[in-house]
Amino acid sequence: MINPKIFEETVKTLEPVKNVVVKRYIFPARLSVYIIEREPIFTIAPVEDAPPVAFFTNDGKLIGRDYLPLPENMKTYRILSYGNKGDDYDKWTKEKVLRLYNLAQLVEKATEQDLLYLDMRNPNDIYIQIETVKIRVGELNTTLFERIGRIALLDAMTKDIDKPIEYIDLSW
């Protein structure tokens, strides 16, 4: 006797739910519920070792800690951010989230290494940590993707150096 539209609207109010379809069948009496969830792409944490406090989905939606922790097998990129002092992730637009996602994918493709985190705690001086080295990219501006293209030479740059590298500066 339940109205499926009321049930749909109730389930749609949950933040991780992107869409829901509820079908009611008369014989045998049953409900079919189809839920499409938002896909997490970024987790937000204040420091490297801290558990995430929120996450962004592929449609730019920020979801709080009520739906954390995420499953272990779900791959997301980690962003370090305090959430204040200019790096207010709760004010990020969908375009900024997607731009950061494209940046993370480009870095992994160019370096052929896993991206460990994006350090956005100082929005005017951003660092990217990959497996072997930290990369300083500076600000998010129009030349960012051009500067990231330079890290394709990473293996050649680090091959003949005996001392550990603190970071590679691509902020210029």
N, C-alpha and C. Protein backbone atom coordinates (compact mmCIF):
# COMPACT_ATOMS: atom_id res chain seq x y z
N MET A 1 0.81 -1.20 0.00
CA MET A 1 0.00 0.00 0.00
C MET A 1 0.86 1.27 0.00
N ILE A 2 2.18 1.12 0.10
CA ILE A 2 3.05 2.30 0.12
C ILE A 2 3.08 2.98 -1.25
N ASN A 3 3.09 4.29 -1.23
CA ASN A 3 3.21 5.05 -2.46
C ASN A 3 4.68 5.09 -2.87
N PRO A 4 5.05 4.52 -4.03
CA PRO A 4 6.46 4.47 -4.40
C PRO A 4 7.10 5.85 -4.61
N LYS A 5 6.34 6.84 -4.99
CA LYS A 5 6.90 8.19 -5.19
C LYS A 5 7.35 8.81 -3.87
N ILE A 6 6.60 8.57 -2.82
CA ILE A 6 6.99 9.09 -1.50
C ILE A 6 8.26 8.38 -1.04
N PHE A 7 8.34 7.09 -1.27
CA PHE A 7 9.53 6.32 -0.90
C PHE A 7 10.74 6.82 -1.71
N GLU A 8 10.57 7.05 -3.01
CA GLU A 8 11.64 7.58 -3.86
C GLU A 8 12.16 8.90 -3.33
N GLU A 9 11.26 9.82 -3.03
CA GLU A 9 11.66 11.14 -2.55
C GLU A 9 12.39 11.06 -1.21
N THR A 10 11.99 10.13 -0.38
CA THR A 10 12.65 9.97 0.92
C THR A 10 14.07 9.46 0.73
N VAL A 11 14.25 8.47 -0.13
CA VAL A 11 15.58 7.91 -0.37
C VAL A 11 16.48 8.92 -1.08
N LYS A 12 15.93 9.75 -1.96
CA LYS A 12 16.71 10.76 -2.68
C LYS A 12 17.29 11.82 -1.76
N THR A 13 16.75 11.97 -0.57
CA THR A 13 17.28 12.97 0.37
C THR A 13 18.62 12.56 0.96
N LEU A 14 19.00 11.29 0.85
CA LEU A 14 20.30 10.84 1.33
C LEU A 14 21.39 11.39 0.41
N GLU A 15 22.43 11.98 0.97
CA GLU A 15 23.46 12.65 0.17
C GLU A 15 24.18 11.75 -0.83
N PRO A 16 24.54 10.51 -0.49
CA PRO A 16 25.26 9.68 -1.46
C PRO A 16 24.39 9.16 -2.62
N VAL A 17 23.09 9.35 -2.54
CA VAL A 17 22.20 8.82 -3.57
C VAL A 17 22.07 9.84 -4.70
N LYS A 18 22.42 9.39 -5.90
CA LYS A 18 22.30 10.25 -7.08
C LYS A 18 20.90 10.16 -7.67
N ASN A 19 20.39 8.96 -7.78
CA ASN A 19 19.05 8.75 -8.32
C ASN A 19 18.49 7.45 -7.76
N VAL A 20 17.17 7.38 -7.72
CA VAL A 20 16.50 6.17 -7.23
C VAL A 20 15.23 5.96 -8.04
N VAL A 21 14.95 4.71 -8.34
CA VAL A 21 13.72 4.35 -9.03
C VAL A 21 13.07 3.22 -8.22
N VAL A 22 11.81 3.43 -7.86
CA VAL A 22 11.07 2.43 -7.10
C VAL A 22 9.89 1.96 -7.96
N LYS A 23 9.81 0.66 -8.15
CA LYS A 23 8.70 0.09 -8.90
C LYS A 23 7.90 -0.80 -7.97
N ARG A 24 6.59 -0.68 -8.08
CA ARG A 24 5.71 -1.50 -7.26
C ARG A 24 5.02 -2.51 -8.19
N TYR A 25 5.07 -3.77 -7.78
CA TYR A 25 4.42 -4.84 -8.53
C TYR A 25 3.24 -5.36 -7.69
N ILE A 26 2.17 -5.64 -8.39
CA ILE A 26 0.95 -6.06 -7.68
C ILE A 26 0.99 -7.54 -7.35
N PHE A 27 1.34 -8.36 -8.35
CA PHE A 27 1.34 -9.79 -8.08
C PHE A 27 2.64 -10.39 -8.55
N PRO A 28 3.37 -11.05 -7.75
CA PRO A 28 3.29 -11.06 -6.30
C PRO A 28 3.68 -9.68 -5.75
N ALA A 29 3.08 -9.32 -4.66
CA ALA A 29 3.28 -7.99 -4.08
C ALA A 29 4.74 -7.80 -3.67
N ARG A 30 5.38 -6.78 -4.28
CA ARG A 30 6.78 -6.51 -3.97
C ARG A 30 7.15 -5.11 -4.48
N LEU A 31 8.26 -4.63 -3.98
CA LEU A 31 8.86 -3.38 -4.45
C LEU A 31 10.24 -3.69 -4.99
N SER A 32 10.60 -3.07 -6.11
CA SER A 32 11.96 -3.13 -6.63
C SER A 32 12.55 -1.74 -6.48
N VAL A 33 13.69 -1.66 -5.82
CA VAL A 33 14.34 -0.39 -5.59
C VAL A 33 15.69 -0.40 -6.28
N TYR A 34 15.90 0.55 -7.21
CA TYR A 34 17.15 0.70 -7.94
C TYR A 34 17.79 2.01 -7.49
N ILE A 35 18.99 1.91 -6.91
CA ILE A 35 19.67 3.09 -6.40
C ILE A 35 20.97 3.29 -7.17
N ILE A 36 21.18 4.51 -7.66
CA ILE A 36 22.43 4.89 -8.29
C ILE A 36 23.14 5.82 -7.31
N GLU A 37 24.31 5.38 -6.86
CA GLU A 37 25.06 6.15 -5.87
C GLU A 37 26.06 7.07 -6.55
N ARG A 38 26.42 8.14 -5.86
CA ARG A 38 27.48 9.03 -6.33
C ARG A 38 28.82 8.32 -6.12
N GLU A 39 29.76 8.56 -7.02
CA GLU A 39 31.06 7.90 -6.95
C GLU A 39 32.08 8.82 -6.27
N PRO A 40 32.65 8.42 -5.14
CA PRO A 40 33.67 9.25 -4.48
C PRO A 40 34.95 9.30 -5.30
N ILE A 41 35.54 10.50 -5.43
CA ILE A 41 36.81 10.64 -6.15
C ILE A 41 37.91 11.22 -5.27
N PHE A 42 37.55 12.04 -4.26
CA PHE A 42 38.51 12.65 -3.35
C PHE A 42 38.07 12.44 -1.91
N THR A 43 39.03 12.14 -1.05
CA THR A 43 38.78 12.20 0.39
C THR A 43 39.57 13.38 0.93
N ILE A 44 39.01 14.05 1.92
CA ILE A 44 39.62 15.24 2.51
C ILE A 44 40.09 14.91 3.92
N ALA A 45 41.33 15.24 4.22
CA ALA A 45 41.88 15.04 5.56
C ALA A 45 42.77 16.23 5.91
N PRO A 46 42.91 16.56 7.19
CA PRO A 46 43.75 17.71 7.56
C PRO A 46 45.25 17.41 7.46
N VAL A 47 45.65 16.17 7.72
CA VAL A 47 47.07 15.77 7.65
C VAL A 47 47.14 14.39 7.01
N GLU A 48 48.35 13.97 6.67
CA GLU A 48 48.56 12.71 5.94
C GLU A 48 47.98 11.49 6.65
N ASP A 49 48.22 11.37 7.94
CA ASP A 49 47.86 10.16 8.67
C ASP A 49 46.46 10.19 9.27
N ALA A 50 45.78 11.30 9.17
CA ALA A 50 44.45 11.42 9.79
C ALA A 50 43.39 10.74 8.91
N PRO A 51 42.35 10.22 9.54
CA PRO A 51 41.26 9.65 8.74
C PRO A 51 40.50 10.77 8.03
N PRO A 52 39.86 10.47 6.91
CA PRO A 52 39.14 11.50 6.16
C PRO A 52 37.99 12.09 6.96
N VAL A 53 37.72 13.37 6.71
CA VAL A 53 36.62 14.06 7.37
C VAL A 53 35.46 14.29 6.41
N ALA A 54 35.71 14.16 5.11
CA ALA A 54 34.67 14.35 4.10
C ALA A 54 35.17 13.78 2.79
N PHE A 55 34.28 13.74 1.79
CA PHE A 55 34.72 13.33 0.46
C PHE A 55 33.90 14.03 -0.60
N PHE A 56 34.53 14.16 -1.79
CA PHE A 56 33.87 14.73 -2.96
C PHE A 56 33.52 13.61 -3.91
N THR A 57 32.39 13.77 -4.60
CA THR A 57 31.96 12.79 -5.59
C THR A 57 32.26 13.30 -6.99
N ASN A 58 32.08 12.44 -7.98
CA ASN A 58 32.40 12.80 -9.36
C ASN A 58 31.47 13.86 -9.94
N ASP A 59 30.40 14.21 -9.25
CA ASP A 59 29.56 15.31 -9.70
C ASP A 59 29.76 16.56 -8.83
N GLY A 60 30.87 16.61 -8.09
CA GLY A 60 31.25 17.80 -7.33
C GLY A 60 30.55 17.98 -6.00
N LYS A 61 29.84 16.99 -5.53
CA LYS A 61 29.09 17.09 -4.26
C LYS A 61 30.02 16.75 -3.10
N LEU A 62 30.00 17.60 -2.08
CA LEU A 62 30.75 17.35 -0.85
C LEU A 62 29.86 16.60 0.12
N ILE A 63 30.35 15.47 0.62
CA ILE A 63 29.59 14.65 1.56
C ILE A 63 30.41 14.52 2.83
N GLY A 64 29.77 14.75 3.96
CA GLY A 64 30.44 14.78 5.25
C GLY A 64 30.76 13.43 5.83
N ARG A 65 31.21 13.45 7.06
CA ARG A 65 31.71 12.24 7.72
C ARG A 65 30.63 11.25 8.11
N ASP A 66 29.36 11.60 7.93
CA ASP A 66 28.28 10.67 8.27
C ASP A 66 28.35 9.40 7.43
N TYR A 67 28.93 9.48 6.25
CA TYR A 67 28.98 8.34 5.34
C TYR A 67 30.40 7.79 5.20
N LEU A 68 31.23 8.07 6.16
CA LEU A 68 32.59 7.55 6.20
C LEU A 68 32.69 6.47 7.26
N PRO A 69 33.60 5.57 7.20
CA PRO A 69 34.65 5.40 6.21
C PRO A 69 34.14 4.75 4.94
N LEU A 70 34.86 4.99 3.86
CA LEU A 70 34.55 4.37 2.58
C LEU A 70 35.12 2.95 2.57
N PRO A 71 34.59 2.09 1.73
CA PRO A 71 35.16 0.73 1.65
C PRO A 71 36.64 0.77 1.26
N GLU A 72 37.41 -0.17 1.76
CA GLU A 72 38.85 -0.23 1.51
C GLU A 72 39.20 -0.36 0.02
N ASN A 73 38.36 -1.06 -0.73
CA ASN A 73 38.67 -1.31 -2.14
C ASN A 73 38.29 -0.14 -3.04
N MET A 74 37.74 0.93 -2.49
CA MET A 74 37.34 2.09 -3.28
C MET A 74 38.53 3.05 -3.39
N LYS A 75 39.05 3.21 -4.63
CA LYS A 75 40.21 4.07 -4.85
C LYS A 75 39.75 5.52 -4.97
N THR A 76 40.29 6.36 -4.11
CA THR A 76 40.06 7.80 -4.18
C THR A 76 41.40 8.51 -4.02
N TYR A 77 41.48 9.72 -4.48
CA TYR A 77 42.65 10.54 -4.26
C TYR A 77 42.46 11.28 -2.93
N ARG A 78 43.56 11.52 -2.24
CA ARG A 78 43.50 12.20 -0.95
C ARG A 78 43.93 13.66 -1.14
N ILE A 79 43.17 14.55 -0.54
CA ILE A 79 43.51 15.97 -0.51
C ILE A 79 43.71 16.38 0.93
N LEU A 80 44.84 17.04 1.19
CA LEU A 80 45.10 17.56 2.53
C LEU A 80 44.61 19.00 2.57
N SER A 81 43.71 19.29 3.48
CA SER A 81 43.14 20.62 3.60
C SER A 81 42.60 20.80 5.01
N TYR A 82 42.83 21.98 5.58
CA TYR A 82 42.29 22.29 6.90
C TYR A 82 40.84 22.75 6.82
N GLY A 83 40.42 23.23 5.66
CA GLY A 83 39.06 23.71 5.51
C GLY A 83 38.87 25.15 5.95
N ASN A 84 39.96 25.87 6.09
CA ASN A 84 39.90 27.30 6.46
C ASN A 84 41.12 28.01 5.89
N LYS A 85 41.25 29.27 6.14
CA LYS A 85 42.42 30.06 5.73
C LYS A 85 42.64 30.03 4.21
N GLY A 86 41.57 30.10 3.44
CA GLY A 86 41.71 30.17 2.00
C GLY A 86 41.58 28.85 1.28
N ASP A 87 41.65 27.74 2.01
CA ASP A 87 41.49 26.43 1.35
C ASP A 87 40.15 25.81 1.75
N ASP A 88 39.12 26.61 1.80
CA ASP A 88 37.80 26.16 2.24
C ASP A 88 37.19 25.20 1.22
N TYR A 89 37.38 23.92 1.44
CA TYR A 89 36.89 22.94 0.47
C TYR A 89 35.37 22.90 0.42
N ASP A 90 34.69 23.39 1.45
CA ASP A 90 33.23 23.41 1.41
C ASP A 90 32.69 24.47 0.44
N LYS A 91 33.56 25.34 -0.07
CA LYS A 91 33.16 26.36 -1.03
C LYS A 91 33.63 26.03 -2.46
N TRP A 92 34.24 24.88 -2.65
CA TRP A 92 34.73 24.51 -3.98
C TRP A 92 33.56 24.25 -4.92
N THR A 93 33.73 24.66 -6.16
CA THR A 93 32.72 24.43 -7.18
C THR A 93 32.96 23.07 -7.83
N LYS A 94 31.97 22.63 -8.57
CA LYS A 94 32.09 21.38 -9.32
C LYS A 94 33.25 21.47 -10.30
N GLU A 95 33.42 22.62 -10.94
CA GLU A 95 34.49 22.80 -11.92
C GLU A 95 35.87 22.65 -11.27
N LYS A 96 36.03 23.19 -10.06
CA LYS A 96 37.31 23.07 -9.37
C LYS A 96 37.59 21.62 -8.99
N VAL A 97 36.58 20.92 -8.52
CA VAL A 97 36.75 19.51 -8.15
C VAL A 97 37.15 18.70 -9.38
N LEU A 98 36.48 18.91 -10.50
CA LEU A 98 36.81 18.17 -11.72
C LEU A 98 38.19 18.56 -12.25
N ARG A 99 38.58 19.81 -12.09
CA ARG A 99 39.91 20.24 -12.51
C ARG A 99 40.99 19.55 -11.68
N LEU A 100 40.76 19.45 -10.37
CA LEU A 100 41.71 18.74 -9.51
C LEU A 100 41.77 17.26 -9.84
N TYR A 101 40.63 16.68 -10.20
CA TYR A 101 40.59 15.27 -10.60
C TYR A 101 41.39 15.06 -11.88
N ASN A 102 41.23 15.95 -12.84
CA ASN A 102 42.01 15.86 -14.08
C ASN A 102 43.49 16.02 -13.80
N LEU A 103 43.83 16.92 -12.87
CA LEU A 103 45.22 17.12 -12.47
C LEU A 103 45.80 15.84 -11.88
N ALA A 104 45.07 15.20 -10.98
CA ALA A 104 45.54 13.98 -10.34
C ALA A 104 45.76 12.87 -11.37
N GLN A 105 44.84 12.74 -12.29
CA GLN A 105 44.99 11.71 -13.32
C GLN A 105 46.17 12.01 -14.24
N LEU A 106 46.37 13.28 -14.58
CA LEU A 106 47.49 13.67 -15.44
C LEU A 106 48.82 13.39 -14.76
N VAL A 107 48.92 13.67 -13.48
CA VAL A 107 50.16 13.42 -12.74
C VAL A 107 50.46 11.92 -12.72
N GLU A 108 49.48 11.11 -12.46
CA GLU A 108 49.70 9.65 -12.45
C GLU A 108 50.11 9.14 -13.82
N LYS A 109 49.52 9.67 -14.85
CA LYS A 109 49.85 9.23 -16.21
C LYS A 109 51.24 9.70 -16.60
N ALA A 110 51.59 10.94 -16.28
CA ALA A 110 52.89 11.49 -16.67
C ALA A 110 54.05 10.85 -15.91
N THR A 111 53.85 10.53 -14.64
CA THR A 111 54.93 9.98 -13.83
C THR A 111 54.92 8.46 -13.77
N GLU A 112 53.80 7.86 -14.14
CA GLU A 112 53.61 6.40 -14.03
C GLU A 112 53.81 5.93 -12.58
N GLN A 113 53.43 6.78 -11.64
CA GLN A 113 53.48 6.47 -10.22
C GLN A 113 52.14 6.83 -9.60
N ASP A 114 51.83 6.18 -8.47
CA ASP A 114 50.59 6.50 -7.77
C ASP A 114 50.71 7.84 -7.07
N LEU A 115 49.64 8.61 -7.13
CA LEU A 115 49.56 9.88 -6.42
C LEU A 115 49.14 9.57 -4.99
N LEU A 116 49.91 10.02 -4.01
CA LEU A 116 49.60 9.75 -2.61
C LEU A 116 48.66 10.81 -2.05
N TYR A 117 48.92 12.08 -2.35
CA TYR A 117 48.01 13.14 -1.91
C TYR A 117 48.31 14.44 -2.63
N LEU A 118 47.32 15.33 -2.62
CA LEU A 118 47.45 16.72 -3.05
C LEU A 118 47.41 17.57 -1.80
N ASP A 119 48.43 18.37 -1.57
CA ASP A 119 48.47 19.21 -0.37
C ASP A 119 47.94 20.59 -0.74
N MET A 120 46.68 20.86 -0.34
CA MET A 120 46.01 22.11 -0.65
C MET A 120 45.89 23.00 0.59
N ARG A 121 46.68 22.74 1.61
CA ARG A 121 46.56 23.52 2.85
C ARG A 121 46.95 24.98 2.64
N ASN A 122 47.82 25.25 1.69
CA ASN A 122 48.13 26.62 1.28
C ASN A 122 47.72 26.73 -0.19
N PRO A 123 46.58 27.33 -0.50
CA PRO A 123 46.08 27.34 -1.88
C PRO A 123 46.96 28.11 -2.86
N ASN A 124 47.90 28.90 -2.37
CA ASN A 124 48.81 29.61 -3.26
C ASN A 124 50.11 28.85 -3.50
N ASP A 125 50.28 27.72 -2.82
CA ASP A 125 51.49 26.91 -2.95
C ASP A 125 51.13 25.44 -2.77
N ILE A 126 50.69 24.81 -3.83
CA ILE A 126 50.18 23.44 -3.78
C ILE A 126 51.30 22.45 -4.06
N TYR A 127 51.30 21.36 -3.29
CA TYR A 127 52.25 20.28 -3.47
C TYR A 127 51.50 19.01 -3.84
N ILE A 128 52.17 18.17 -4.64
CA ILE A 128 51.63 16.87 -5.00
C ILE A 128 52.66 15.83 -4.58
N GLN A 129 52.26 14.87 -3.77
CA GLN A 129 53.16 13.81 -3.33
C GLN A 129 52.89 12.56 -4.15
N ILE A 130 53.92 12.09 -4.86
CA ILE A 130 53.84 10.81 -5.55
C ILE A 130 54.75 9.84 -4.80
N GLU A 131 54.91 8.64 -5.29
CA GLU A 131 55.65 7.61 -4.54
C GLU A 131 57.10 8.00 -4.25
N THR A 132 57.77 8.64 -5.20
CA THR A 132 59.20 8.88 -5.04
C THR A 132 59.58 10.30 -4.65
N VAL A 133 58.75 11.28 -4.97
CA VAL A 133 59.14 12.67 -4.76
C VAL A 133 57.92 13.55 -4.58
N LYS A 134 58.15 14.70 -3.96
CA LYS A 134 57.10 15.71 -3.81
C LYS A 134 57.27 16.73 -4.93
N ILE A 135 56.16 17.16 -5.51
CA ILE A 135 56.19 18.10 -6.62
C ILE A 135 55.48 19.38 -6.18
N ARG A 136 56.17 20.49 -6.31
CA ARG A 136 55.57 21.79 -5.99
C ARG A 136 55.01 22.38 -7.28
N VAL A 137 53.69 22.60 -7.32
CA VAL A 137 53.08 23.14 -8.53
C VAL A 137 52.62 24.58 -8.38
N GLY A 138 52.68 25.13 -7.19
CA GLY A 138 52.29 26.53 -7.00
C GLY A 138 50.79 26.70 -7.04
N GLU A 139 50.33 27.73 -7.77
CA GLU A 139 48.91 28.06 -7.82
C GLU A 139 48.17 27.28 -8.88
N LEU A 140 46.84 27.20 -8.70
CA LEU A 140 45.97 26.63 -9.73
C LEU A 140 45.63 27.75 -10.71
N ASN A 141 46.38 27.83 -11.80
CA ASN A 141 46.10 28.86 -12.79
C ASN A 141 46.08 28.25 -14.19
N THR A 142 46.08 29.08 -15.19
CA THR A 142 45.91 28.60 -16.57
C THR A 142 47.13 27.83 -17.09
N THR A 143 48.29 28.01 -16.48
CA THR A 143 49.49 27.31 -16.96
C THR A 143 49.76 26.00 -16.21
N LEU A 144 48.87 25.63 -15.34
CA LEU A 144 49.09 24.45 -14.48
C LEU A 144 49.34 23.18 -15.28
N PHE A 145 48.49 22.89 -16.24
CA PHE A 145 48.61 21.64 -16.98
C PHE A 145 49.86 21.64 -17.87
N GLU A 146 50.26 22.81 -18.34
CA GLU A 146 51.50 22.92 -19.11
C GLU A 146 52.71 22.61 -18.22
N ARG A 147 52.67 23.15 -16.99
CA ARG A 147 53.78 22.90 -16.05
C ARG A 147 53.84 21.43 -15.65
N ILE A 148 52.69 20.80 -15.49
CA ILE A 148 52.67 19.38 -15.11
C ILE A 148 53.27 18.52 -16.21
N GLY A 149 53.13 18.93 -17.45
CA GLY A 149 53.72 18.19 -18.56
C GLY A 149 55.22 18.04 -18.45
N ARG A 150 55.86 18.91 -17.70
CA ARG A 150 57.32 18.86 -17.54
C ARG A 150 57.78 17.68 -16.69
N ILE A 151 56.91 17.10 -15.91
CA ILE A 151 57.34 15.99 -15.04
C ILE A 151 57.48 14.69 -15.79
N ALA A 152 57.23 14.69 -17.08
CA ALA A 152 57.48 13.49 -17.87
C ALA A 152 58.97 13.17 -17.88
N LEU A 153 59.80 14.16 -17.60
CA LEU A 153 61.26 13.98 -17.54
C LEU A 153 61.74 13.57 -16.15
N LEU A 154 60.83 13.18 -15.27
CA LEU A 154 61.16 12.89 -13.88
C LEU A 154 62.22 11.81 -13.74
N ASP A 155 62.09 10.71 -14.46
CA ASP A 155 63.08 9.63 -14.35
C ASP A 155 64.46 10.09 -14.78
N ALA A 156 64.52 10.85 -15.87
CA ALA A 156 65.80 11.35 -16.35
C ALA A 156 66.44 12.32 -15.36
N MET A 157 65.60 13.13 -14.68
CA MET A 157 66.13 14.11 -13.73
C MET A 157 66.66 13.44 -12.47
N THR A 158 66.02 12.41 -12.00
CA THR A 158 66.38 11.81 -10.71
C THR A 158 67.33 10.62 -10.84
N LYS A 159 67.65 10.19 -12.04
CA LYS A 159 68.47 8.98 -12.24
C LYS A 159 69.89 9.13 -11.70
N ASP A 160 70.55 10.25 -11.95
CA ASP A 160 71.96 10.41 -11.62
C ASP A 160 72.20 11.13 -10.29
N ILE A 161 71.17 11.32 -9.50
CA ILE A 161 71.31 12.05 -8.23
C ILE A 161 71.41 11.04 -7.09
N ASP A 162 72.44 11.21 -6.25
CA ASP A 162 72.67 10.29 -5.14
C ASP A 162 71.91 10.69 -3.88
N LYS A 163 71.67 11.99 -3.69
CA LYS A 163 71.00 12.47 -2.49
C LYS A 163 69.49 12.46 -2.69
N PRO A 164 68.75 12.30 -1.60
CA PRO A 164 67.29 12.35 -1.74
C PRO A 164 66.82 13.76 -2.12
N ILE A 165 65.81 13.82 -2.96
CA ILE A 165 65.27 15.10 -3.41
C ILE A 165 64.13 15.50 -2.49
N GLU A 166 64.17 16.75 -2.00
CA GLU A 166 63.10 17.23 -1.14
C GLU A 166 61.82 17.45 -1.95
N TYR A 167 61.93 18.19 -3.04
CA TYR A 167 60.81 18.38 -3.94
C TYR A 167 61.28 18.91 -5.27
N ILE A 168 60.46 18.76 -6.28
CA ILE A 168 60.72 19.33 -7.61
C ILE A 168 59.80 20.53 -7.76
N ASP A 169 60.36 21.66 -8.12
CA ASP A 169 59.60 22.90 -8.20
C ASP A 169 59.12 23.15 -9.62
N LEU A 170 57.82 23.06 -9.84
CA LEU A 170 57.21 23.37 -11.13
C LEU A 170 56.31 24.61 -11.04
N SER A 171 56.57 25.44 -10.03
CA SER A 171 55.70 26.58 -9.82
C SER A 171 56.02 27.76 -10.73
N TRP A 172 57.07 27.67 -11.52
CA TRP A 172 57.44 28.79 -12.39
C TRP A 172 56.77 28.69 -13.72
